[in-house]
Protein backbone atom coordinates (compact mmCIF):
# COMPACT_ATOMS: atom_id res chain seq x y z
CA MET A 1 -24.88 3.51 -7.09
CA ILE A 2 -23.38 6.97 -7.19
CA GLY A 3 -21.29 7.92 -10.11
CA ASN A 4 -22.33 8.27 -13.66
CA SER A 5 -22.61 8.82 -16.90
CA ILE A 6 -24.88 6.61 -18.88
CA ASP A 7 -25.37 6.75 -22.59
CA SER A 8 -28.58 7.78 -24.31
CA LEU A 9 -29.94 4.24 -23.93
CA GLY A 10 -29.33 4.37 -20.18
CA GLN A 11 -27.01 1.34 -20.26
CA ARG A 12 -23.39 2.27 -20.75
CA LEU A 13 -21.67 3.53 -17.60
CA ASP A 14 -18.63 5.73 -17.90
CA GLY A 15 -16.74 7.29 -15.00
CA ILE A 16 -16.34 6.79 -11.27
CA CYS A 17 -18.96 4.68 -9.47
CA THR A 18 -19.56 3.70 -5.86
CA TYR A 19 -21.71 0.76 -4.76
CA TYR A 20 -23.17 0.52 -1.24
CA PHE A 21 -24.32 -2.25 1.09
CA GLU A 22 -27.87 -1.97 2.47
CA ASN A 23 -26.39 -0.71 5.77
CA GLY A 24 -24.94 2.32 3.95
CA ASN A 25 -21.29 1.22 4.01
CA ILE A 26 -19.35 1.31 0.76
CA GLN A 27 -19.17 -2.05 -1.00
CA SER A 28 -16.86 -1.04 -3.86
CA GLU A 29 -15.48 1.99 -5.69
CA GLY A 30 -13.93 2.24 -9.11
CA SER A 31 -14.34 3.39 -12.68
CA TYR A 32 -16.29 2.26 -15.69
CA SER A 33 -15.03 2.81 -19.21
CA ASN A 34 -17.42 2.23 -22.10
CA GLY A 35 -19.76 0.23 -19.89
CA ARG A 36 -17.07 -2.05 -18.38
CA LYS A 37 -15.33 -1.99 -15.03
CA SER A 38 -11.89 -0.53 -15.56
CA GLY A 39 -8.66 -0.37 -13.59
CA SER A 40 -8.32 -0.90 -9.87
CA TRP A 41 -11.48 -1.19 -7.73
CA LYS A 42 -11.43 -0.79 -3.95
CA ARG A 43 -13.59 -3.38 -2.17
CA PHE A 44 -14.93 -3.51 1.38
CA THR A 45 -16.77 -5.87 3.69
CA SER A 46 -20.21 -4.91 5.01
CA ASP A 47 -18.61 -3.77 8.30
CA GLY A 48 -16.32 -1.33 6.42
CA SER A 49 -13.04 -3.28 6.49
CA GLN A 50 -11.03 -3.00 3.29
CA LYS A 51 -10.58 -6.15 1.21
CA SER A 52 -7.90 -6.58 -1.43
CA ASP A 53 -8.35 -4.38 -4.49
CA ARG A 54 -9.56 -5.96 -7.72
CA LEU A 55 -8.01 -5.12 -11.06
CA TYR A 56 -10.03 -5.16 -14.27
CA SER A 57 -8.38 -6.15 -17.53
CA ASP A 58 -7.75 -2.89 -19.34
CA VAL A 59 -4.87 -2.09 -16.98
CA SER A 60 -1.66 -4.11 -16.77
CA MET A 61 -0.94 -5.70 -13.39
CA GLU A 62 2.66 -4.56 -13.85
CA THR A 63 1.73 -0.88 -13.57
CA VAL A 64 -0.90 -0.79 -10.81
CA ILE A 65 0.21 -0.26 -7.20
CA PHE A 66 -2.26 -1.59 -4.65
CA ASN A 67 -2.64 -0.11 -1.16
CA SER A 68 -3.68 -3.45 0.30
CA ALA A 69 -3.49 -7.11 -0.63
CA LEU A 70 -4.81 -10.41 0.62
CA ILE A 71 -1.18 -11.35 1.33
CA MET A 72 0.94 -8.30 2.12
CA PRO A 73 4.63 -8.13 1.15
CA LYS A 74 7.19 -8.85 3.84
CA PRO A 75 10.95 -9.20 3.95
CA LYS A 76 12.19 -12.78 3.63
CA VAL A 77 14.52 -12.01 6.54
CA TYR A 78 13.15 -10.34 9.72
CA GLN A 79 9.59 -11.19 8.64
CA HIS A 80 7.94 -10.67 11.99
CA ASP A 81 10.31 -8.12 13.45
CA PHE A 82 11.04 -5.81 10.49
CA GLU A 83 10.00 -2.65 12.34
CA LYS A 84 11.91 -3.72 15.48
CA PHE A 85 15.02 -4.47 13.38
CA VAL A 86 14.94 -1.05 11.69
CA LYS A 87 14.33 0.75 15.01
CA GLU A 88 17.26 -1.00 16.74
CA ILE A 89 19.71 0.07 14.04
CA LEU A 90 18.33 3.61 13.97
CA ILE A 91 18.71 3.98 17.73
CA LYS A 92 22.38 2.95 17.42
CA GLU A 93 23.31 4.91 14.29
CA ALA A 94 20.95 7.83 13.82
CA GLU A 95 20.92 11.27 15.34
CA ILE A 96 18.84 11.79 18.49
CA GLU A 97 16.28 13.81 16.49
CA ILE A 98 14.91 10.59 15.06
CA ILE A 99 13.59 9.55 18.49
CA GLU A 100 12.20 13.01 19.18
CA LEU A 101 10.24 12.96 15.89
CA SER A 102 8.53 9.67 16.75
CA PRO A 103 6.50 8.22 15.13
CA ILE A 104 8.33 8.23 11.80
CA GLY A 105 6.67 7.20 8.55
CA ILE A 106 8.30 5.00 5.92
CA GLN A 107 6.52 3.99 2.73
CA LEU A 108 7.80 1.27 0.40
CA VAL A 109 6.46 -0.07 -2.88
CA ILE A 110 7.28 -3.76 -3.29
CA ASP A 111 6.79 -4.97 -6.85
CA ARG A 112 5.37 -8.30 -7.94
CA ASN A 113 8.92 -9.72 -8.09
CA GLY A 114 9.72 -8.80 -4.48
CA LYS A 115 11.90 -5.80 -5.35
CA ILE A 116 11.60 -2.39 -3.68
CA THR A 117 10.78 0.10 -6.43
CA GLU A 118 9.99 3.18 -4.31
CA ARG A 119 11.10 4.41 -0.91
CA LEU A 120 9.55 7.47 0.73
CA PHE A 121 10.58 8.79 4.13
CA ASP A 122 9.06 11.15 6.64
CA ASP A 123 9.97 14.63 5.38
CA ARG A 124 10.84 15.78 8.92
CA LEU A 125 13.99 13.62 8.89
CA SER A 126 17.46 14.96 8.19
CA LEU A 127 19.21 13.79 5.04
CA LYS A 128 21.63 11.78 7.21
CA ASN A 129 18.78 9.85 8.86
CA MET A 130 17.03 9.29 5.53
CA ASN A 131 20.27 7.85 4.17
CA THR A 132 20.64 5.61 7.24
CA ILE A 133 17.12 4.25 6.79
CA ASP A 134 17.69 3.81 3.06
CA GLU A 135 20.86 1.78 3.69
CA ILE A 136 19.01 -0.46 6.16
CA ILE A 137 16.24 -1.13 3.65
CA LYS A 138 18.71 -1.77 0.81
CA ALA A 139 20.54 -4.31 3.01
CA ILE A 140 17.48 -6.55 3.20
CA PRO A 141 18.18 -9.12 0.48
CA SER A 142 14.71 -9.81 -0.81
CA TRP A 143 11.01 -9.52 -0.12
CA GLU A 144 8.08 -11.84 -0.57
CA ALA A 145 5.74 -10.13 -3.00
CA GLY A 146 2.17 -9.28 -2.08
CA SER A 147 -0.63 -11.16 -3.79
CA THR A 148 -4.33 -11.45 -4.34
CA GLY A 149 -4.04 -15.08 -3.35
CA SER A 150 -3.73 -16.25 -6.95
CA GLN A 151 -1.38 -13.69 -8.49
CA LYS A 152 1.48 -11.51 -7.33
CA ILE A 153 0.94 -7.75 -7.36
CA ASN A 154 2.72 -4.46 -6.65
CA VAL A 155 1.84 -3.21 -3.16
CA ARG A 156 2.48 0.03 -1.23
CA VAL A 157 3.42 -0.75 2.39
CA ASN A 158 3.40 1.87 5.17
CA TYR A 159 5.43 1.56 8.35
CA SER A 160 5.17 3.81 11.37
CA LEU A 161 8.20 3.57 13.65
CA ASP A 162 7.24 4.65 17.15
CA PHE A 163 10.23 5.14 19.44
CA SER A 164 8.21 6.42 22.41
CA THR A 165 7.56 2.85 23.61
CA ASP A 166 11.29 2.00 23.57
CA GLN A 167 12.47 4.52 26.15
């Protein structure tokens, strides 16, 4: 374990800690507070793939935003073709610059109720194209929330729209 602090008895951990598998890959990373795991912990498999984060009780599930989940959020409509759907509309309605900037990043935070609470767009886009993308996203009626398998969670989802394969 890397991380620290322990109290004078050598038992109470406090601060950021990292655990490793025998092969040297990270097993988990997170914080201890007063000797207890605290907040969101990142977890990995022995081959380095990221597993769903685990939340420890001193933090409310309503406030934590996870970067991955066992079940990722997806729109209830266009589930399998969300990126294709957005790209088709953008090609029809957006300025040509959007294709030249490819790939374009879009980041959404989908809350535990399936609502979009944050939308971030590639900062290279014009305001007009950001507004076009925003209108497309707002038009999607609802999302299936992400989950740990047993409980719904807030999840940050990243999309990369690559137009170079469409020409």
